Every structure is written in C-alpha cells, then in structure tokens.
Protein backbone atom coordinates (compact mmCIF):
# COMPACT_ATOMS: atom_id res chain seq x y z
CA UNK A 1 23.11 -1.38 31.85
CA UNK A 2 21.74 0.67 28.91
CA UNK A 3 20.56 -1.35 25.99
CA UNK A 4 21.69 -0.07 22.57
CA UNK A 5 19.22 -0.93 19.82
CA UNK A 6 20.98 -1.97 16.66
CA UNK A 7 18.23 -0.97 14.27
CA UNK A 8 17.37 2.66 13.97
CA UNK A 9 14.47 2.48 11.52
CA UNK A 10 11.05 0.97 12.04
CA UNK A 11 10.39 -2.52 10.68
CA UNK A 12 7.04 -3.70 9.29
CA UNK A 13 5.95 -7.06 8.15
CA UNK A 14 2.53 -7.36 6.58
CA UNK A 15 0.59 -10.48 7.51
CA UNK A 16 -1.32 -12.67 5.02
CA UNK A 17 -3.51 -14.81 7.35
CA UNK A 18 -5.33 -16.43 4.39
CA UNK A 19 -2.47 -16.07 1.96
CA UNK A 20 -3.35 -14.91 -1.55
CA UNK A 21 -6.73 -16.62 -1.46
CA UNK A 22 -9.76 -14.43 -2.02
CA UNK A 23 -13.49 -14.67 -2.70
CA UNK A 24 -13.20 -12.21 -5.60
CA UNK A 25 -11.37 -12.36 -8.95
CA UNK A 26 -10.48 -8.71 -9.61
CA UNK A 27 -9.07 -8.67 -13.11
CA UNK A 28 -6.06 -6.48 -12.26
CA UNK A 29 -5.07 -8.17 -8.94
CA UNK A 30 -1.36 -8.72 -8.78
CA UNK A 31 -1.64 -11.15 -5.87
CA UNK A 32 -4.11 -13.78 -7.02
CA UNK A 33 -1.47 -15.60 -9.07
CA UNK A 34 0.59 -16.22 -5.88
CA UNK A 35 -1.82 -19.10 -5.28
CA UNK A 36 0.40 -20.99 -7.74
CA UNK A 37 3.29 -20.77 -5.29
CA UNK A 38 1.20 -22.64 -2.72
CA UNK A 39 -0.80 -25.04 -4.91
CA UNK A 40 0.32 -27.96 -2.77
CA UNK A 41 -0.79 -26.45 0.54
CA UNK A 42 -3.80 -28.46 1.76
CA UNK A 43 -5.06 -25.61 3.95
CA UNK A 44 -3.97 -22.07 3.02
CA UNK A 45 -4.62 -20.66 6.52
CA UNK A 46 -2.08 -19.47 9.04
CA UNK A 47 -1.88 -21.79 12.04
CA UNK A 48 -2.42 -20.67 15.58
CA UNK A 49 1.14 -21.72 16.45
CA UNK A 50 2.66 -19.66 13.69
CA UNK A 51 0.45 -16.68 14.56
CA UNK A 52 1.62 -16.71 18.15
CA UNK A 53 5.25 -17.11 17.13
CA UNK A 54 5.04 -14.19 14.72
CA UNK A 55 3.37 -11.88 17.21
CA UNK A 56 5.93 -12.57 19.86
CA UNK A 57 8.92 -12.07 17.56
CA UNK A 58 7.43 -9.09 15.73
CA UNK A 59 6.78 -7.16 18.95
CA UNK A 60 10.22 -8.00 20.34
CA UNK A 61 11.89 -6.89 17.11
CA UNK A 62 10.55 -3.37 17.37
CA UNK A 63 12.58 -0.48 18.72
CA UNK A 64 9.53 1.80 19.10
CA UNK A 65 6.95 1.65 21.92
CA UNK A 66 4.34 1.72 19.14
CA UNK A 67 3.76 -1.47 17.16
CA UNK A 68 1.49 -1.70 14.09
CA UNK A 69 0.06 -4.99 12.81
CA UNK A 70 -1.25 -4.88 9.24
CA UNK A 71 -3.53 -7.72 8.15
CA UNK A 72 -3.73 -8.11 4.39
CA UNK A 73 -4.70 -10.54 1.68
CA UNK A 74 -5.96 -12.14 -0.40
CA UNK A 75 -9.08 -11.52 1.58
CA UNK A 76 -8.56 -11.19 5.36
CA UNK A 77 -12.14 -11.90 6.23
CA UNK A 78 -11.82 -15.49 5.00
CA UNK A 79 -10.47 -15.99 8.55
CA UNK A 80 -12.97 -15.97 11.36
CA UNK A 81 -13.33 -13.36 14.09
CA UNK A 82 -12.01 -16.00 16.54
CA UNK A 83 -8.71 -16.02 14.67
CA UNK A 84 -8.22 -12.38 15.22
CA UNK A 85 -9.41 -12.66 18.83
CA UNK A 86 -6.49 -15.06 19.40
CA UNK A 87 -4.19 -12.51 17.76
CA UNK A 88 -5.36 -9.82 20.18
CA UNK A 89 -4.89 -12.16 23.13
CA UNK A 90 -1.26 -12.80 22.17
CA UNK A 91 -0.66 -9.12 21.47
CA UNK A 92 -1.71 -8.33 24.99
CA UNK A 93 0.48 -11.14 26.43
CA UNK A 94 3.62 -10.15 24.53
CA UNK A 95 3.14 -6.31 24.44
CA UNK A 96 5.11 -5.72 27.60
CA UNK A 97 4.10 -2.11 27.84
CA UNK A 98 4.08 -1.36 24.12
CA UNK A 99 1.10 0.24 22.44
CA UNK A 100 -0.41 -2.05 19.77
CA UNK A 101 -2.43 -0.89 16.79
CA UNK A 102 -4.13 -3.03 14.14
CA UNK A 103 -5.25 -2.25 10.63
CA UNK A 104 -6.94 -4.65 8.30
CA UNK A 105 -7.56 -4.48 4.54
CA UNK A 106 -10.68 -6.01 3.02
CA UNK A 107 -12.53 -5.99 -0.26
CA UNK A 108 -15.62 -5.08 1.77
CA UNK A 109 -17.94 -7.84 0.47
CA UNK A 110 -17.94 -9.95 3.63
CA UNK A 111 -18.41 -7.26 6.20
CA UNK A 112 -21.14 -8.02 8.74
CA UNK A 113 -22.50 -6.41 11.90
CA UNK A 114 -20.43 -8.88 13.92
CA UNK A 115 -17.23 -7.84 12.20
CA UNK A 116 -18.02 -4.14 12.73
CA UNK A 117 -18.70 -4.64 16.46
CA UNK A 118 -15.46 -6.49 16.79
CA UNK A 119 -13.45 -3.81 14.99
CA UNK A 120 -15.13 -1.04 16.95
CA UNK A 121 -14.52 -2.78 20.32
CA UNK A 122 -10.86 -3.37 19.49
CA UNK A 123 -10.06 -0.07 17.71
CA UNK A 124 -9.15 -1.52 14.32
CA UNK A 125 -8.56 0.75 11.35
CA UNK A 126 -10.27 -0.83 8.40
CA UNK A 127 -9.14 -0.25 4.80
CA UNK A 128 -11.86 -0.90 2.14
CA UNK A 129 -10.93 -1.56 -1.48
CA UNK A 130 -13.29 0.43 -3.67
CA UNK A 131 -12.47 1.99 -7.02
CA UNK A 132 -15.01 4.81 -7.09
CA UNK A 133 -18.64 4.87 -8.24
CA UNK A 134 -20.33 1.77 -9.50
CA UNK A 135 -19.39 2.15 -13.16
CA UNK A 136 -15.67 2.34 -12.20
CA UNK A 137 -15.73 -0.20 -9.44
CA UNK A 138 -17.54 -2.93 -11.34
CA UNK A 139 -15.24 -2.65 -14.34
CA UNK A 140 -12.70 -4.96 -12.77
CA UNK A 141 -13.71 -5.85 -9.23
CA UNK A 142 -15.79 -8.96 -9.88
CA UNK A 143 -16.73 -12.21 -8.14
CA UNK A 144 -15.43 -15.62 -9.10
CA UNK A 145 -18.45 -15.97 -11.43
CA UNK A 146 -17.91 -12.55 -12.96
CA UNK A 147 -20.61 -10.76 -11.03
CA UNK A 148 -20.33 -7.03 -9.93
CA UNK A 149 -19.53 -6.26 -6.30
CA UNK A 150 -20.21 -2.55 -5.85
CA UNK A 151 -23.49 -2.93 -3.94
CA UNK A 152 -22.01 -5.53 -1.56
CA UNK A 153 -19.14 -3.16 -0.76
CA UNK A 154 -21.47 -0.20 -0.19
CA UNK A 155 -23.50 -2.30 2.26
CA UNK A 156 -20.30 -3.02 4.11
CA UNK A 157 -19.43 0.68 4.26
CA UNK A 158 -22.91 1.43 5.56
CA UNK A 159 -22.33 -0.99 8.38
CA UNK A 160 -18.91 0.52 9.17
CA UNK A 161 -20.51 3.94 9.42
CA UNK A 162 -23.40 2.63 11.51
CA UNK A 163 -21.05 1.09 14.07
CA UNK A 164 -18.65 4.04 14.07
CA UNK A 165 -15.71 1.97 12.82
CA UNK A 166 -12.71 4.06 11.58
CA UNK A 167 -12.14 3.27 7.96
CA UNK A 168 -10.42 4.64 4.83
CA UNK A 169 -10.63 3.88 1.12
CA UNK A 170 -8.01 2.16 -0.97
CA UNK A 171 -8.56 2.61 -4.75
CA UNK A 172 -6.70 1.28 -7.73
CA UNK A 173 -6.25 3.71 -10.60
CA UNK A 174 -6.50 1.80 -13.85
CA UNK A 175 -6.87 2.51 -17.58
CA UNK A 176 -10.61 3.20 -17.13
CA UNK A 177 -11.20 5.33 -14.03
CA UNK A 178 -7.94 7.31 -14.61
CA UNK A 179 -9.86 9.24 -17.28
CA UNK A 180 -12.48 10.43 -14.81
CA UNK A 181 -10.64 11.96 -11.82
CA UNK A 182 -13.36 14.38 -10.67
CA UNK A 183 -16.31 11.88 -10.62
CA UNK A 184 -13.92 9.47 -8.91
CA UNK A 185 -12.92 11.99 -6.21
CA UNK A 186 -16.41 13.49 -5.69
CA UNK A 187 -17.80 9.98 -5.10
CA UNK A 188 -15.62 9.54 -2.05
CA UNK A 189 -16.70 12.90 -0.72
CA UNK A 190 -20.34 12.04 -1.28
CA UNK A 191 -20.03 8.84 0.83
CA UNK A 192 -18.21 10.69 3.59
CA UNK A 193 -14.79 9.13 3.10
CA UNK A 194 -12.23 11.66 4.39
CA UNK A 195 -9.11 9.46 4.05
CA UNK A 196 -8.35 8.24 0.58
CA UNK A 197 -5.46 6.17 -0.76
CA UNK A 198 -5.01 5.39 -4.38
CA UNK A 199 -2.29 3.78 -6.38
CA UNK A 200 -1.77 3.25 -10.12
CA UNK A 201 -1.95 -0.26 -11.51
CA UNK A 202 1.10 -1.12 -13.64
CA UNK A 203 1.66 -4.77 -14.45
CA UNK A 204 3.46 -6.71 -17.21
CA UNK A 205 2.97 -10.24 -18.41
CA UNK A 206 6.02 -12.42 -18.94
CA UNK A 207 6.88 -16.12 -19.24
CA UNK A 208 8.39 -17.66 -16.13
CA UNK A 209 9.35 -21.19 -15.23
CA UNK A 210 7.53 -21.13 -11.91
CA UNK A 211 4.06 -20.64 -13.40
CA UNK A 212 3.74 -17.01 -12.45
CA UNK A 213 2.74 -14.63 -15.24
CA UNK A 214 3.58 -11.17 -13.97
CA UNK A 215 6.98 -9.54 -14.09
CA UNK A 216 8.83 -8.56 -10.89
CA UNK A 217 9.85 -4.89 -10.65
CA UNK A 218 13.19 -3.73 -12.19
CA UNK A 219 13.03 -6.67 -14.67
CA UNK A 220 12.84 -5.20 -18.19
CA UNK A 221 10.55 -6.49 -20.87
CA UNK A 222 7.18 -8.14 -20.83
CA UNK A 223 3.80 -7.02 -22.26
CA UNK A 224 1.97 -4.27 -20.41
CA UNK A 225 -1.50 -5.37 -19.39
CA UNK A 226 -4.42 -3.56 -20.92
CA UNK A 227 -5.73 -2.45 -17.49
CA UNK A 228 -2.51 -0.61 -16.62
CA UNK A 229 -2.59 3.16 -16.43
CA UNK A 230 -0.39 5.09 -18.85
CA UNK A 231 2.07 7.80 -17.70
CA UNK A 232 -0.02 10.51 -19.34
CA UNK A 233 -3.22 9.24 -17.77
CA UNK A 234 -1.53 9.23 -14.35
CA UNK A 235 -0.22 12.74 -14.71
CA UNK A 236 -3.54 14.12 -15.96
CA UNK A 237 -5.44 12.24 -13.21
CA UNK A 238 -3.17 13.63 -10.42
CA UNK A 239 -3.17 17.21 -11.77
CA UNK A 240 -6.93 17.37 -12.17
CA UNK A 241 -7.69 15.87 -8.85
CA UNK A 242 -5.08 17.99 -7.09
CA UNK A 243 -6.53 21.16 -8.59
CA UNK A 244 -9.93 20.35 -7.13
CA UNK A 245 -8.50 19.38 -3.70
CA UNK A 246 -6.08 22.24 -3.26
CA UNK A 247 -8.75 24.84 -3.82
CA UNK A 248 -11.52 23.32 -1.69
CA UNK A 249 -10.49 20.44 0.58
CA UNK A 250 -7.09 20.91 2.21
CA UNK A 251 -7.37 19.93 5.83
CA UNK A 252 -10.79 18.34 5.31
CA UNK A 253 -10.06 15.47 2.96
CA UNK A 254 -6.80 13.65 3.28
CA UNK A 255 -5.28 12.13 0.16
CA UNK A 256 -2.27 10.04 1.03
CA UNK A 257 -0.22 10.79 -2.07
CA UNK A 258 -0.67 14.55 -1.69
CA UNK A 259 0.16 14.39 2.03
CA UNK A 260 3.26 12.31 1.28
CA UNK A 261 4.38 14.79 -1.43
CA UNK A 262 4.02 17.67 1.03
CA UNK A 263 6.07 15.77 3.59
CA UNK A 264 8.88 15.37 1.08
CA UNK A 265 8.60 19.08 0.23
CA UNK A 266 9.40 20.01 3.86
CA UNK A 267 12.04 17.26 4.28
CA UNK A 268 10.03 14.92 6.49
CA UNK A 269 9.44 11.18 6.11
CA UNK A 270 6.57 10.82 3.64
CA UNK A 271 4.74 8.02 5.48
CA UNK A 272 4.32 5.96 2.33
CA UNK A 273 7.13 3.77 1.09
CA UNK A 274 6.80 4.47 -2.66
CA UNK A 275 7.91 8.13 -2.16
CA UNK A 276 10.52 7.34 0.50
CA UNK A 277 14.20 7.61 -0.07
CA UNK A 278 14.88 4.07 1.08
CA UNK A 279 13.20 0.74 0.66
CA UNK A 280 13.27 -2.68 2.35
CA UNK A 281 11.80 -2.06 5.79
CA UNK A 282 8.37 -3.39 4.90
CA UNK A 283 8.23 -7.12 4.24
CA UNK A 284 5.36 -9.53 4.00
CA UNK A 285 4.75 -12.93 5.61
CA UNK A 286 2.58 -15.57 3.96
CA UNK A 287 0.22 -17.92 5.75
CA UNK A 288 2.88 -20.66 5.99
CA UNK A 289 5.68 -18.44 7.39
CA UNK A 290 7.44 -17.55 4.15
CA UNK A 291 8.77 -14.01 4.40
CA UNK A 292 9.38 -11.91 1.28
CA UNK A 293 11.15 -8.58 0.68
CA UNK A 294 7.92 -6.66 -0.18
CA UNK A 295 4.29 -7.24 -0.92
CA UNK A 296 4.98 -6.40 -4.61
CA UNK A 297 7.94 -8.76 -4.74
CA UNK A 298 6.41 -12.05 -3.67
CA UNK A 299 8.45 -14.07 -6.12
CA UNK A 300 10.74 -17.03 -5.28
CA UNK A 301 13.86 -14.95 -5.91
CA UNK A 302 12.75 -12.48 -3.26
CA UNK A 303 11.93 -15.03 -0.54
CA UNK A 304 13.98 -14.28 2.62
CA UNK A 305 13.24 -17.49 4.48
CA UNK A 306 10.59 -18.98 6.72
CA UNK A 307 9.64 -18.11 10.31
CA UNK A 308 9.77 -21.77 11.25
CA UNK A 309 13.55 -21.74 10.42
CA UNK A 310 14.69 -18.16 10.99
CA UNK A 311 13.65 -15.23 13.13
CA UNK A 312 11.91 -12.11 11.83
CA UNK A 313 14.99 -10.04 12.77
CA UNK A 314 17.36 -12.42 10.95
CA UNK A 315 15.30 -12.28 7.75
CA UNK A 316 14.45 -8.53 7.71
CA UNK A 317 18.03 -7.49 8.51
CA UNK A 318 19.65 -10.16 6.35
CA UNK A 319 22.25 -9.31 3.63
CA UNK A 320 19.63 -10.28 1.06
CA UNK A 321 17.13 -7.75 2.35
CA UNK A 322 19.86 -5.13 2.78
CA UNK A 323 20.70 -5.59 -0.86
CA UNK A 324 17.05 -5.19 -1.79
CA UNK A 325 16.76 -2.05 0.28
CA UNK A 326 19.68 -0.48 -1.55
CA UNK A 327 18.27 -1.11 -5.05
CA UNK A 328 16.02 1.96 -4.90
CA UNK A 329 18.83 4.44 -4.55
CA UNK A 330 21.66 2.53 -6.17
CA UNK A 331 19.78 1.83 -9.39
CA UNK A 332 18.66 5.44 -10.01
CA UNK A 333 19.55 6.22 -13.61
CA UNK A 334 21.22 9.40 -14.67
CA UNK A 335 18.02 11.16 -15.72
CA UNK A 336 16.61 10.65 -12.18
CA UNK A 337 19.76 11.98 -10.59
CA UNK A 338 19.53 15.12 -12.69
CA UNK A 339 15.76 15.60 -12.03
CA UNK A 340 14.74 18.68 -9.96
CA UNK A 341 11.96 16.54 -8.38
CA UNK A 342 14.13 13.65 -7.27
CA UNK A 343 13.56 14.72 -3.64
CA UNK A 344 9.80 14.36 -4.15
CA UNK A 345 9.66 10.75 -5.41
CA UNK A 346 13.13 9.18 -5.14
CA UNK A 347 12.36 7.15 -8.25
CA UNK A 348 9.04 5.93 -6.78
CA UNK A 349 8.44 2.20 -6.31
CA UNK A 350 11.02 -0.24 -7.71
CA UNK A 351 8.18 -2.36 -9.07
CA UNK A 352 7.57 0.30 -11.72
CA UNK A 353 11.22 0.92 -12.65
CA UNK A 354 11.57 -1.24 -15.73
CA UNK A 355 12.22 1.19 -18.61
CA UNK A 356 15.33 3.07 -19.78
CA UNK A 357 15.99 6.79 -19.43
CA UNK A 358 16.92 9.17 -22.17
CA UNK A 359 20.54 8.18 -21.81
CA UNK A 360 19.72 4.50 -22.28
CA UNK A 361 20.28 3.61 -18.61
CA UNK A 362 18.00 1.01 -16.97
CA UNK A 363 16.00 1.62 -13.85
CA UNK A 364 13.77 4.45 -15.00
CA UNK A 365 10.21 4.54 -13.66
CA UNK A 366 7.50 3.81 -16.18
CA UNK A 367 5.29 6.52 -14.65
CA UNK A 368 8.05 9.21 -14.56
CA UNK A 369 6.36 11.45 -17.12
CA UNK A 370 3.14 11.51 -15.09
CA UNK A 371 4.87 12.19 -11.83
CA UNK A 372 6.94 14.98 -13.32
CA UNK A 373 3.82 16.50 -14.78
CA UNK A 374 2.17 16.44 -11.34
CA UNK A 375 5.12 17.81 -9.39
CA UNK A 376 5.56 20.67 -11.86
CA UNK A 377 1.85 21.51 -11.59
CA UNK A 378 1.74 21.21 -7.77
CA UNK A 379 5.11 22.89 -6.99
CA UNK A 380 3.83 26.45 -6.37
CA UNK A 381 1.15 25.15 -4.08
CA UNK A 382 3.53 22.84 -2.31
CA UNK A 383 6.04 25.65 -1.84
CA UNK A 384 3.35 27.77 -0.18
CA UNK A 385 2.06 24.97 2.04
CA UNK A 386 5.60 24.02 3.05
CA UNK A 387 6.32 27.57 4.12
CA UNK A 388 3.06 27.70 6.15
CA UNK A 389 4.20 24.56 7.98
CA UNK A 390 7.63 26.08 8.70
CA UNK A 391 5.87 29.08 10.16
CA UNK A 392 3.61 26.90 12.28
CA UNK A 393 0.59 27.80 10.21
CA UNK A 394 -2.02 25.56 8.61
CA UNK A 395 -1.36 24.31 5.07
CA UNK A 396 -5.08 24.86 4.48
CA UNK A 397 -4.31 28.55 4.17
CA UNK A 398 -3.43 27.78 0.55
CA UNK A 399 -7.12 27.79 -0.24
CA UNK A 400 -7.55 31.43 0.78
CA UNK A 401 -4.22 33.18 0.89
CA UNK A 402 -2.45 31.97 -2.22
CA UNK A 403 -3.00 33.22 -5.73
CA UNK A 404 -0.67 31.65 -8.34
C-alpha cells in the first residue's frame, strides 16, 4: 500500500546539546540570557536518553531521504567528542536508508586537533562565529573575564584548514563593523573563506516578569540596544559589499544573503528562512527537551512542549506552531503589501518586525529602509543574473557581460 506523507515541507529542529551555556560572553548575544529559563537545572547538558529519543523521532518525522542535524549553542564544544560519537551511532541505527548530514556551530575558541580529526572523519560542516578582522571581532566577542578572543578563533581556523575540514563563517553585523563593509569582506577573502553568512544584530531591552531582558519579535516597544545596526547602516553595508562582490567574486565567493536574494529573484526557495515566504518549519530543542517555535523565539510564550511528553511531529505540526508559521504573511502591513520588493524579502524575519509602517499599521520590519536600499541597488544585476540562470548560463557572467 502506498504511504501518503501528510507533511509536504521539510522540518528542521536545531539542537542545543549544552543549552544556552557558553564559555564566552559576547556583548550582543541574544541567547545567553536564556540561562535564566533554566537556572534550576543542576546539569545543563542533554542526556544520552533524550539524545537517542530525539534522533529516532527526528529522522522518522522527515519526508525526505536527506536529513540534516544542526548542533547549536550556547557553545556546542562544551560537550565532549564522545557525546557526538553517540549521536552518530544512533543516526546510523535509525537512518534506515536515509542520508544523514551534520553541521555544527562553534565560537571557535575550543577547537583542537582532536575535534578537527573527528569532524573530518565524519564529514561535518563547521560554522565558525567570527566578526571580521581583529578590531571588529574583539569589539564584542569577549571571554567571561572580558578578554579578546580573535587569536583563539584564528588558531581554530588554522586547524580546520590543516585537517581539511569544511567550514564557513558566520558573522554578526553590528553598529561597529557595519561601517566598514570592505575591510570586513576582504578579511574573509584573505583567510580563504569562500562561504560567508552574516546577519544584522537588532535587539531591544524590555521589562519582563520572567527575568528575561530582550523583547520577542513582533512585540512593539522597548529600548534598542546600542550594538544594534541601524537601517541606514544595514543598507549602506549591503550595497557597498555587493558592489565589490558582483564585479569580482560571483561564483568564487558565496555570500548567503546574496544567493538567497537571487533565488527569490528567479522564484526559487531562498534557502534561508528570513527571506522565505513562510515561517515555522525550523524549531529548536533545548538540552532538557523543551521545544520552541524558533531559535529567535525562545521565550515561555513560544514553548511548544517537551519531548519527554510529546513527539517532535506533534509539537512542530501543532496548532500553536501553525499559528506561529502564519504570522509572517498574515501580519504584513499595508506598506509591505504595496512594496515592489515584497517577493525578495517577504517582510524578512518576524523578530525584526516591531515598528509601524507609514499608514500606522504594526508589523513593519525595523530594517525595511536598508533592505529596500539594497534591493533597489542590486535589482539590475539580479535581473541579469536571473536571466542567465533561465538560459542555463552562469550568473558569474554578470562580471563580464553586463554594463549598467
């Protein structure tokens, strides 16, 4: 009998094996304060029993033959290699013919030769958090005692390269490095990083009864943190960096936001949730089994349940998560609906949609001005590259065959 799968879209749940706990105290980190939610936990580490249960259910919940496990933090390397060896063992046991991939995000300060050999042997993709050259990185990415971390991270990257581990960079754009897009970008080229992800930091401080200090997305009000990037900074940063990339590096250096924008330009799934049309298919599970709607919505009001009490499928396809998924499109204000670039960003991430549009409607993205500035600047190039793709030609032709 043919089996009909009820869920058409992929489902991801990011794992937090050490919860929000970290060996650093990056000043802009949105996740460190989640420790307050688990202040009573004697040991903030995921148990072997819970790990096996999650791996079994997560694989079974997938409708695709390809399954991606994403290990995130806090700091993932606070767990030992033996913990991840157990995860790989259970992945093999429960795979039942599916292809399993693993990616792990780290701040880079705890990377050793042993870690690199493990990742190389088991084909992990490693994401390293680094905010550009030393002056930019050490501005906010500090140890518990306030010491800089750039040299530690660079030693980790040298080890990754030495062992041939596949890795990419994850950078946060803040009020400081946003003013220096070219030194920022050229640094990554100089260290041989060909895959670059970056995201703007936008956080607000509020008063809550649960001890948390940051505002959840879509909630209006609060005081913008001083490390947050402004809309104008974000727009200038994207335009300047794009201008350098589109004339020299298309097809050689891969910048996630630009690739995702081009995907939307040709009507394909962008591969990054913030620019997708829909939301809600990427949850997060804490070390104790608590599942939340999204990594940026780890607040009590967005808790879906606990794996000890409900299955992954029940939580990720619950009415509560369905409602969360619909917020992105349902709460688009009038100005967004009238925007010629709606197809390119779909209102971007709900966590940044806390201001009102020109008509006074809520749900406008704080960074809208910056995104519109970028889309307007990039549009002629995107049009050209999109047509090249439709004609089965390389988008990199934009560097030689297009003159605006």
